[in-house]
């Protein structure tokens, strides 16, 4: 018995020693970004909100009459994992900037770049990813309800940001909130934001940060596994990620050729009025070519029934276009370019004010259902971008259930086989097309509408 006891005692001690050695090694790679005493190696940019040191924490105080204020590291970071704890007073908004920059040639030095949101409002988008002063929301938590529920409003929260290559992940109290793939910026400073305020009652409220640490080497040793509820969102140009491929996504356009597409009223791809340049399908405006000939709409050679479709679209001032689906399915007459339409339209176009109750605005089911913000409480604006900016179009079809999303905001939801939809069709321009919307499958169409100047990219689909 004595020999057996000694053996297991020694084994236990060895296991404990290995655990302590491994744990110590893992901790050794972390470096503190804040010494708990002063703001050495930090600097304030843009605004004039005040930052103090209280009980080993950085405390930022809200102030009326100043733009967003940022306390920035003087050092720049590329690939890293950042952890910190934060306490935000209810009613305030804040964020943690990373891979961010400030340069004279960009908006006179305005801080810009990725931000992990801190949101005390009912919206609850904390640890979603916002592109400060550039593209806006890249990963709102409309697509991650579990992540949205992770924030402890009024209490301390542990934030973890992993930026490795083109993959950015955020975690809040151990729950993954964002799973983003983007390659716009690969290096920049880290900053703690005190957001501007307009309400006098919010003045003097605070945001506190403590235990700020970072690791920049041997990152695979520290990297977290993806949690299945965190949908991946990619902004890579005409490229699929490995995760997208595993989940059944494929490119509908290869970024270079007309393979898989043809004219809506022809068996061939248009020769005029359209170009494939810089990774975009570009429907030309009249002034962009000497001898302008309208290309006409283009459609997929394949038909689809249950699917999820995504594309990025940009229009010029006054632009008009659309993405149609279930095109030519069971539609009598000249229905080769008729189908349900995700409207793409600049608000300065004359058609914006036509239709009924806004059913011709961007994101709407054209001439049938007006787009509205179904993702955010108490907000009417659907967060669509205007001219010369990209908008992400997403259409989800499962049986009769259909959704429209724009920039990850759900704006339309309907059942195409419902009685209410049949009644809407009877009162619309589609009433003359017998069988409209009832087909089991159809093509996807990109619309060439006057005045042109529309660009598409990142066109992809997965089928259910």
Protein backbone atom coordinates (compact mmCIF):
# COMPACT_ATOMS: atom_id res chain seq x y z
CA UNK A 1 0.00 0.00 0.00
CA UNK A 2 2.84 2.36 0.78
CA UNK A 3 4.36 1.93 -2.71
CA UNK A 4 0.99 2.49 -4.37
CA UNK A 5 0.42 5.63 -2.30
CA UNK A 6 3.79 7.05 -3.19
CA UNK A 7 3.24 6.40 -6.90
CA UNK A 8 -0.10 8.20 -7.04
CA UNK A 9 1.20 11.00 -4.84
CA UNK A 10 4.11 11.55 -7.19
CA UNK A 11 1.82 11.39 -10.23
CA UNK A 12 -0.50 14.00 -8.72
CA UNK A 13 2.40 16.29 -7.89
CA UNK A 14 3.78 15.93 -11.41
CA UNK A 15 0.38 16.76 -12.93
CA UNK A 16 0.07 19.81 -10.68
CA UNK A 17 3.56 20.96 -11.61
CA UNK A 18 2.81 20.62 -15.32
CA UNK A 19 -0.43 22.58 -14.90
CA UNK A 20 1.30 25.38 -13.00
CA UNK A 21 4.11 25.48 -15.54
CA UNK A 22 1.68 25.65 -18.47
CA UNK A 23 -0.47 28.29 -16.76
CA UNK A 24 2.58 30.40 -15.88
CA UNK A 25 3.84 30.13 -19.46
CA UNK A 26 0.47 31.24 -20.82
CA UNK A 27 0.37 34.23 -18.47
CA UNK A 28 3.94 35.19 -19.33
CA UNK A 29 2.99 36.36 -22.84
CA UNK A 30 0.59 39.05 -21.60
CA UNK A 31 1.71 42.66 -21.18
CA UNK A 32 -0.12 45.39 -19.30
CA UNK A 33 -1.10 48.50 -21.30
CA UNK A 34 -1.84 50.53 -18.17
CA UNK A 35 0.38 50.80 -15.09
CA UNK A 36 -2.49 51.76 -12.77
CA UNK A 37 -0.85 55.08 -11.83
CA UNK A 38 -0.64 57.43 -14.81
CA UNK A 39 -1.26 57.67 -18.56
CA UNK A 40 2.30 57.04 -19.67
CA UNK A 41 2.29 55.74 -23.29
CA UNK A 42 -1.24 57.10 -23.90
CA UNK A 43 -2.42 60.33 -25.57
CA UNK A 44 -5.76 62.09 -26.06
CA UNK A 45 -7.07 62.77 -29.58
CA UNK A 46 -9.98 64.72 -31.12
CA UNK A 47 -12.15 65.76 -28.16
CA UNK A 48 -11.63 67.33 -24.75
CA UNK A 49 -13.34 64.90 -22.37
CA UNK A 50 -11.23 64.27 -19.29
CA UNK A 51 -9.47 61.04 -18.30
CA UNK A 52 -8.36 60.45 -14.69
CA UNK A 53 -6.85 57.60 -12.68
CA UNK A 54 -9.03 56.38 -9.79
CA UNK A 55 -8.42 53.16 -7.83
CA UNK A 56 -6.17 51.65 -10.51
CA UNK A 57 -8.72 52.36 -13.24
CA UNK A 58 -8.83 54.85 -16.12
CA UNK A 59 -11.96 56.97 -15.71
CA UNK A 60 -13.35 58.95 -18.65
CA UNK A 61 -15.97 61.62 -17.94
CA UNK A 62 -18.65 62.68 -20.42
CA UNK A 63 -18.76 66.32 -21.46
CA UNK A 64 -21.17 68.42 -23.51
CA UNK A 65 -19.77 70.51 -26.33
CA UNK A 66 -16.97 68.23 -27.45
CA UNK A 67 -16.79 65.62 -30.21
CA UNK A 68 -15.88 62.01 -29.49
CA UNK A 69 -12.73 61.87 -27.38
CA UNK A 70 -10.19 59.05 -27.60
CA UNK A 71 -7.42 58.04 -25.21
CA UNK A 72 -5.01 56.30 -27.60
CA UNK A 73 -1.97 54.12 -27.17
CA UNK A 74 1.15 55.71 -28.62
CA UNK A 75 2.20 52.30 -29.88
CA UNK A 76 0.62 50.70 -32.96
CA UNK A 77 -0.60 47.10 -32.95
CA UNK A 78 -1.29 44.70 -35.81
CA UNK A 79 -2.14 41.15 -34.72
CA UNK A 80 -3.05 40.87 -31.03
CA UNK A 81 -5.45 39.67 -28.38
CA UNK A 82 -6.66 42.38 -25.99
CA UNK A 83 -8.47 41.91 -22.69
CA UNK A 84 -9.85 44.50 -20.30
CA UNK A 85 -12.67 45.19 -17.87
CA UNK A 86 -15.06 48.08 -18.37
CA UNK A 87 -17.90 49.75 -16.49
CA UNK A 88 -20.16 52.14 -18.44
CA UNK A 89 -22.66 54.38 -16.68
CA UNK A 90 -26.21 53.65 -17.92
CA UNK A 91 -27.27 56.03 -20.68
CA UNK A 92 -23.78 56.47 -22.13
CA UNK A 93 -22.27 55.03 -25.28
CA UNK A 94 -18.62 54.17 -25.64
CA UNK A 95 -16.26 51.86 -27.48
CA UNK A 96 -12.80 50.37 -27.71
CA UNK A 97 -10.95 51.36 -30.87
CA UNK A 98 -8.36 49.03 -32.40
CA UNK A 99 -6.34 49.02 -35.59
CA UNK A 100 -7.31 52.69 -35.66
CA UNK A 101 -5.49 55.73 -37.02
CA UNK A 102 -5.46 59.52 -36.99
CA UNK A 103 -3.86 61.33 -39.92
CA UNK A 104 -4.08 64.87 -41.26
CA UNK A 105 -5.17 63.75 -44.74
CA UNK A 106 -8.22 61.86 -43.40
CA UNK A 107 -10.89 64.24 -42.12
CA UNK A 108 -8.25 66.48 -40.57
CA UNK A 109 -6.99 63.88 -38.11
CA UNK A 110 -10.26 62.31 -37.06
CA UNK A 111 -9.80 58.96 -35.33
CA UNK A 112 -11.06 56.19 -37.58
CA UNK A 113 -11.02 52.41 -37.63
CA UNK A 114 -12.51 49.36 -35.97
CA UNK A 115 -14.44 49.76 -32.73
CA UNK A 116 -15.83 47.20 -30.31
CA UNK A 117 -19.07 48.89 -29.25
CA UNK A 118 -20.16 49.56 -25.66
CA UNK A 119 -23.92 50.12 -25.73
CA UNK A 120 -26.14 50.68 -22.69
CA UNK A 121 -29.31 51.32 -24.73
CA UNK A 122 -32.18 48.87 -25.33
CA UNK A 123 -30.56 48.06 -28.67
CA UNK A 124 -27.86 46.09 -26.79
CA UNK A 125 -25.11 45.92 -29.41
CA UNK A 126 -22.15 45.83 -27.03
CA UNK A 127 -19.10 44.12 -28.61
CA UNK A 128 -20.58 44.51 -32.06
CA UNK A 129 -18.10 46.04 -34.52
CA UNK A 130 -18.47 49.59 -35.81
CA UNK A 131 -16.11 51.20 -38.32
CA UNK A 132 -15.63 54.62 -36.74
CA UNK A 133 -15.77 57.57 -39.19
CA UNK A 134 -15.64 55.26 -42.25
CA UNK A 135 -18.14 52.54 -43.20
CA UNK A 136 -20.34 52.45 -40.10
CA UNK A 137 -21.70 49.17 -38.76
CA UNK A 138 -19.86 46.06 -39.94
CA UNK A 139 -21.23 43.63 -37.37
CA UNK A 140 -24.34 44.79 -35.50
CA UNK A 141 -25.75 42.28 -33.06
CA UNK A 142 -28.99 41.98 -35.00
CA UNK A 143 -27.44 38.72 -36.23
CA UNK A 144 -26.30 37.46 -32.81
CA UNK A 145 -29.02 37.59 -30.16
CA UNK A 146 -27.02 35.48 -27.70
CA UNK A 147 -24.14 37.94 -27.94
CA UNK A 148 -26.56 40.83 -27.52
CA UNK A 149 -27.67 39.43 -24.15
CA UNK A 150 -24.11 39.12 -22.77
CA UNK A 151 -23.67 42.72 -21.58
CA UNK A 152 -24.03 43.42 -17.84
CA UNK A 153 -25.65 46.85 -17.95
CA UNK A 154 -24.55 48.89 -14.94
CA UNK A 155 -21.86 46.42 -13.88
CA UNK A 156 -18.32 45.44 -14.82
CA UNK A 157 -17.85 43.58 -18.10
CA UNK A 158 -14.85 41.64 -19.39
CA UNK A 159 -14.07 42.40 -23.04
CA UNK A 160 -11.81 40.29 -25.25
CA UNK A 161 -10.82 41.35 -28.79
CA UNK A 162 -8.89 39.02 -31.09
CA UNK A 163 -7.47 40.61 -34.26
CA UNK A 164 -5.39 38.06 -36.15
CA UNK A 165 -4.82 38.50 -39.87
CA UNK A 166 -8.13 39.41 -41.50
CA UNK A 167 -10.19 37.75 -38.76
CA UNK A 168 -11.63 39.83 -35.92
CA UNK A 169 -13.55 38.29 -33.03
CA UNK A 170 -15.00 39.88 -29.91
CA UNK A 171 -16.14 38.30 -26.66
CA UNK A 172 -18.13 39.78 -23.79
CA UNK A 173 -18.07 37.98 -20.45
CA UNK A 174 -17.01 34.81 -22.27
CA UNK A 175 -19.74 34.98 -24.95
CA UNK A 176 -18.68 35.51 -28.56
CA UNK A 177 -20.36 38.59 -30.00
CA UNK A 178 -18.65 39.24 -33.36
CA UNK A 179 -17.06 37.03 -35.99
CA UNK A 180 -15.82 39.38 -38.71
CA UNK A 181 -13.52 38.92 -41.71
CA UNK A 182 -12.24 42.19 -43.17
CA UNK A 183 -8.97 43.39 -44.65
CA UNK A 184 -9.27 47.19 -44.80
CA UNK A 185 -6.78 47.97 -42.00
CA UNK A 186 -4.11 45.69 -40.57
CA UNK A 187 -2.46 47.95 -37.98
CA UNK A 188 -3.21 50.90 -35.72
CA UNK A 189 -3.52 52.14 -32.17
CA UNK A 190 -5.90 51.03 -29.42
CA UNK A 191 -8.13 53.72 -27.93
CA UNK A 192 -10.73 54.18 -25.19
CA UNK A 193 -13.66 56.32 -26.30
CA UNK A 194 -15.72 58.87 -24.41
CA UNK A 195 -18.60 59.44 -26.81
CA UNK A 196 -20.02 62.90 -27.43
CA UNK A 197 -23.30 63.72 -25.66
CA UNK A 198 -26.17 66.13 -26.30
CA UNK A 199 -28.30 65.56 -23.22
CA UNK A 200 -27.30 67.71 -20.23
CA UNK A 201 -28.43 64.94 -17.88
CA UNK A 202 -25.64 62.69 -19.21
CA UNK A 203 -22.86 65.18 -18.42
CA UNK A 204 -20.40 64.05 -15.77
CA UNK A 205 -21.17 60.35 -16.12
CA UNK A 206 -18.21 58.02 -16.40
CA UNK A 207 -16.71 55.05 -18.21
CA UNK A 208 -14.08 53.06 -16.31
CA UNK A 209 -11.45 50.70 -17.72
CA UNK A 210 -9.06 48.48 -15.77
CA UNK A 211 -6.86 45.38 -16.06
CA UNK A 212 -5.95 46.27 -19.65
CA UNK A 213 -3.56 43.70 -21.09
CA UNK A 214 -2.42 42.52 -24.51
CA UNK A 215 -0.57 39.62 -26.11
CA UNK A 216 1.06 39.96 -29.54
CA UNK A 217 3.16 36.80 -29.98
CA UNK A 218 2.36 33.07 -30.32
CA UNK A 219 -1.29 34.02 -30.78
CA UNK A 220 -2.44 30.55 -31.83
CA UNK A 221 -1.69 29.48 -28.25
CA UNK A 222 -4.25 31.98 -26.95
CA UNK A 223 -6.77 32.08 -29.79
CA UNK A 224 -10.39 31.23 -28.91
CA UNK A 225 -12.54 28.75 -30.77
CA UNK A 226 -15.56 30.12 -32.59
CA UNK A 227 -18.84 29.69 -30.75
CA UNK A 228 -21.53 28.29 -33.10
CA UNK A 229 -24.08 31.05 -32.47
CA UNK A 230 -21.73 33.76 -33.85
CA UNK A 231 -22.44 34.01 -37.57
CA UNK A 232 -19.41 34.92 -39.66
CA UNK A 233 -19.65 38.10 -41.75
CA UNK A 234 -17.03 38.61 -44.46
CA UNK A 235 -16.22 41.71 -46.49
CA UNK A 236 -13.45 40.12 -48.55
CA UNK A 237 -13.79 41.02 -52.21
CA UNK A 238 -15.28 38.19 -54.32
CA UNK A 239 -13.65 35.61 -52.05
CA UNK A 240 -15.15 32.93 -49.82
CA UNK A 241 -13.74 32.11 -46.40
CA UNK A 242 -13.20 28.51 -45.35
CA UNK A 243 -16.11 28.83 -42.93
CA UNK A 244 -18.41 30.06 -45.71
CA UNK A 245 -17.40 27.13 -47.90
CA UNK A 246 -18.09 24.68 -45.05
CA UNK A 247 -21.54 26.21 -44.62
CA UNK A 248 -22.45 25.79 -48.28
CA UNK A 249 -21.79 29.25 -49.71
CA UNK A 250 -20.57 29.65 -53.28
CA UNK A 251 -19.84 32.66 -55.46
CA UNK A 252 -22.55 33.50 -57.99
CA UNK A 253 -20.05 35.72 -59.79
CA UNK A 254 -16.34 34.95 -60.00
CA UNK A 255 -15.30 38.61 -59.99
CA UNK A 256 -13.89 38.51 -63.53
CA UNK A 257 -16.06 36.85 -66.20
CA UNK A 258 -19.70 36.51 -67.24
CA UNK A 259 -19.75 32.80 -66.38
CA UNK A 260 -23.16 31.80 -65.01
CA UNK A 261 -24.95 34.95 -66.23
CA UNK A 262 -26.81 36.02 -69.36
CA UNK A 263 -29.11 38.76 -70.59
CA UNK A 264 -32.60 38.69 -69.10
CA UNK A 265 -34.10 38.66 -72.60
CA UNK A 266 -31.26 36.92 -74.39
CA UNK A 267 -29.26 33.72 -74.28
CA UNK A 268 -26.05 35.75 -74.39
CA UNK A 269 -24.36 38.15 -71.99
CA UNK A 270 -24.67 41.84 -73.02
CA UNK A 271 -21.80 43.29 -75.03
CA UNK A 272 -22.58 46.95 -74.34
CA UNK A 273 -23.42 49.17 -71.39
CA UNK A 274 -21.79 46.92 -68.82
CA UNK A 275 -18.22 46.33 -67.64
CA UNK A 276 -16.46 44.00 -65.26
CA UNK A 277 -13.74 46.13 -63.71
CA UNK A 278 -11.90 46.18 -60.36
CA UNK A 279 -13.91 43.24 -59.08
CA UNK A 280 -17.30 44.81 -59.82
CA UNK A 281 -20.13 44.37 -62.29
CA UNK A 282 -20.65 47.95 -63.43
CA UNK A 283 -23.81 49.05 -65.24
CA UNK A 284 -22.57 52.18 -67.01
CA UNK A 285 -24.13 55.64 -66.99
CA UNK A 286 -24.68 57.40 -70.31
CA UNK A 287 -21.72 59.72 -69.82
CA UNK A 288 -19.34 56.84 -69.00
CA UNK A 289 -19.13 55.59 -72.56
CA UNK A 290 -18.96 57.40 -75.91
CA UNK A 291 -21.51 55.30 -77.79
CA UNK A 292 -23.84 54.33 -74.96
CA UNK A 293 -26.09 51.33 -75.50
CA UNK A 294 -28.14 50.13 -72.53
CA UNK A 295 -27.07 46.62 -71.51
CA UNK A 296 -30.38 45.51 -70.08
CA UNK A 297 -30.89 43.34 -67.02
CA UNK A 298 -28.78 40.24 -66.43
CA UNK A 299 -29.93 36.98 -64.83
CA UNK A 300 -28.41 33.81 -63.46
CA UNK A 301 -28.43 30.80 -65.74
CA UNK A 302 -29.50 28.71 -62.75
CA UNK A 303 -32.82 28.78 -60.95
CA UNK A 304 -33.16 28.77 -57.16
CA UNK A 305 -35.90 27.88 -54.68
CA UNK A 306 -34.78 27.95 -51.02
CA UNK A 307 -31.69 30.09 -50.63
CA UNK A 308 -29.75 32.84 -48.89
CA UNK A 309 -28.35 35.48 -51.24
CA UNK A 310 -25.86 38.25 -50.54
CA UNK A 311 -24.35 41.02 -52.65
CA UNK A 312 -22.81 44.44 -52.14
CA UNK A 313 -24.26 47.24 -54.26
CA UNK A 314 -23.28 50.87 -54.82
CA UNK A 315 -25.21 53.55 -56.71
CA UNK A 316 -24.49 57.08 -57.87
CA UNK A 317 -26.62 60.09 -56.92
CA UNK A 318 -30.12 59.49 -58.26
CA UNK A 319 -29.34 55.81 -58.90
CA UNK A 320 -32.03 53.17 -59.40
CA UNK A 321 -31.65 49.39 -59.56
CA UNK A 322 -32.81 46.24 -57.84
CA UNK A 323 -32.23 42.56 -57.20
CA UNK A 324 -35.11 40.42 -58.42
CA UNK A 325 -35.77 36.80 -57.49
CA UNK A 326 -38.17 34.08 -58.65
CA UNK A 327 -37.82 35.65 -62.08
CA UNK A 328 -39.78 33.93 -64.90
CA UNK A 329 -41.18 31.20 -62.68
CA UNK A 330 -44.75 30.41 -63.79
CA UNK A 331 -45.23 33.99 -64.98
CA UNK A 332 -47.32 34.21 -68.13
CA UNK A 333 -46.55 36.66 -70.91
CA UNK A 334 -43.25 38.48 -71.20
CA UNK A 335 -42.17 37.64 -67.67
CA UNK A 336 -38.50 37.13 -68.30
CA UNK A 337 -37.55 40.15 -66.21
CA UNK A 338 -40.45 40.08 -63.75
CA UNK A 339 -40.05 38.87 -60.17
CA UNK A 340 -40.10 39.96 -56.56
CA UNK A 341 -37.69 42.88 -56.26
CA UNK A 342 -35.38 44.04 -53.49
CA UNK A 343 -35.43 47.75 -54.33
CA UNK A 344 -32.13 49.64 -54.67
CA UNK A 345 -32.81 53.37 -54.98
CA UNK A 346 -31.27 56.69 -54.00
CA UNK A 347 -33.66 58.89 -52.02
CA UNK A 348 -33.06 61.70 -54.55
CA UNK A 349 -34.61 59.65 -57.36
CA UNK A 350 -38.15 60.70 -58.33
CA UNK A 351 -39.47 57.16 -57.76
CA UNK A 352 -38.57 57.40 -54.07
CA UNK A 353 -41.74 59.38 -53.33
CA UNK A 354 -44.00 57.26 -55.53
CA UNK A 355 -45.78 54.02 -54.76
CA UNK A 356 -47.80 53.50 -51.58
CA UNK A 357 -46.55 54.24 -48.05
CA UNK A 358 -42.90 54.13 -49.07
CA UNK A 359 -42.94 50.77 -50.85
CA UNK A 360 -40.43 51.98 -53.45
CA UNK A 361 -37.69 53.01 -51.03
CA UNK A 362 -34.38 51.15 -50.71
CA UNK A 363 -34.76 47.69 -49.19
CA UNK A 364 -38.49 47.53 -49.90
CA UNK A 365 -40.26 44.69 -51.66
CA UNK A 366 -40.83 46.91 -54.67
CA UNK A 367 -44.40 48.18 -55.07
CA UNK A 368 -45.64 45.77 -52.38
CA UNK A 369 -44.11 46.22 -48.88
CA UNK A 370 -42.21 49.24 -47.56
CA UNK A 371 -38.89 48.70 -45.84
CA UNK A 372 -38.81 49.49 -42.13
CA UNK A 373 -36.33 48.84 -39.34
CA UNK A 374 -37.40 45.52 -37.83
CA UNK A 375 -34.15 45.01 -35.90
CA UNK A 376 -33.93 48.04 -33.61
CA UNK A 377 -36.50 49.25 -31.09
CA UNK A 378 -37.55 52.90 -31.44
CA UNK A 379 -35.65 53.57 -34.67
CA UNK A 380 -37.26 54.34 -38.02
CA UNK A 381 -34.09 54.77 -40.09
CA UNK A 382 -33.02 51.47 -41.71
CA UNK A 383 -29.31 52.45 -41.83
CA UNK A 384 -29.07 52.28 -45.62
CA UNK A 385 -26.07 54.07 -47.09
CA UNK A 386 -26.42 56.79 -49.71
CA UNK A 387 -24.62 57.38 -53.03
CA UNK A 388 -21.04 56.19 -53.55
CA UNK A 389 -21.12 53.86 -50.55
CA UNK A 390 -21.58 50.11 -50.46
CA UNK A 391 -24.77 48.53 -49.14
CA UNK A 392 -24.99 44.85 -48.28
CA UNK A 393 -28.12 43.24 -49.72
CA UNK A 394 -29.30 39.96 -48.17
CA UNK A 395 -32.34 37.94 -49.22
CA UNK A 396 -33.41 34.79 -47.34
CA UNK A 397 -36.04 32.44 -48.79
CA UNK A 398 -37.27 29.34 -46.93
CA UNK A 399 -40.44 27.93 -48.43
CA UNK A 400 -42.90 30.80 -48.52
CA UNK A 401 -41.07 32.80 -45.85
CA UNK A 402 -38.91 35.64 -47.20
CA UNK A 403 -36.73 38.26 -45.52
CA UNK A 404 -34.94 41.35 -46.83
CA UNK A 405 -31.88 42.62 -44.94
CA UNK A 406 -29.75 45.67 -45.68
CA UNK A 407 -26.43 46.15 -43.90
CA UNK A 408 -27.51 43.40 -41.47
CA UNK A 409 -30.74 45.20 -40.55
CA UNK A 410 -33.93 43.24 -41.26
CA UNK A 411 -36.28 45.52 -43.21
CA UNK A 412 -38.94 43.28 -44.81
CA UNK A 413 -40.52 39.95 -43.83
CA UNK A 414 -43.41 38.24 -45.57
CA UNK A 415 -45.02 34.98 -46.69
CA UNK A 416 -45.30 34.92 -50.47
CA UNK A 417 -48.10 32.33 -50.37
CA UNK A 418 -50.23 34.19 -47.82
CA UNK A 419 -53.61 35.73 -48.52
CA UNK A 420 -52.31 39.17 -47.57
CA UNK A 421 -49.59 38.90 -50.23
CA UNK A 422 -52.13 37.81 -52.84
CA UNK A 423 -54.19 40.89 -51.98
CA UNK A 424 -51.16 43.17 -52.29
CA UNK A 425 -50.31 41.72 -55.70
CA UNK A 426 -53.87 42.29 -56.94
CA UNK A 427 -53.47 46.01 -56.23
CA UNK A 428 -49.99 46.32 -57.75
CA UNK A 429 -48.34 46.51 -61.18
CA UNK A 430 -47.91 42.72 -60.99
CA UNK A 431 -51.65 41.96 -61.11
CA UNK A 432 -51.52 41.46 -64.90
CA UNK A 433 -48.93 38.68 -64.58
CA UNK A 434 -50.85 35.51 -63.83
CA UNK A 435 -49.00 33.26 -61.41
CA UNK A 436 -46.71 36.03 -60.20
CA UNK A 437 -44.74 34.96 -57.13
CA UNK A 438 -46.13 31.43 -56.98
CA UNK A 439 -43.36 29.52 -58.74
CA UNK A 440 -41.30 26.94 -56.90
CA UNK A 441 -38.06 28.36 -58.29
CA UNK A 442 -36.71 31.17 -60.45
CA UNK A 443 -33.65 33.09 -61.55
CA UNK A 444 -31.94 35.97 -59.77
CA UNK A 445 -31.75 39.22 -61.73
CA UNK A 446 -29.57 42.33 -61.42
CA UNK A 447 -31.42 45.32 -62.83
CA UNK A 448 -30.01 47.82 -65.31
CA UNK A 449 -32.28 50.80 -64.73
CA UNK A 450 -31.85 54.37 -65.97
CA UNK A 451 -29.74 56.37 -65.20
CA UNK A 452 -27.26 53.51 -64.62
CA UNK A 453 -24.05 53.89 -62.65
CA UNK A 454 -24.78 50.84 -60.47
CA UNK A 455 -22.05 48.48 -59.24
CA UNK A 456 -22.31 44.99 -57.72
CA UNK A 457 -19.69 42.79 -56.07
CA UNK A 458 -19.37 39.93 -53.57
CA UNK A 459 -22.35 38.11 -55.09
CA UNK A 460 -22.81 34.79 -53.30
CA UNK A 461 -25.49 32.25 -52.46
CA UNK A 462 -26.15 29.14 -50.44
CA UNK A 463 -29.10 26.81 -50.92
CA UNK A 464 -31.14 25.06 -48.25
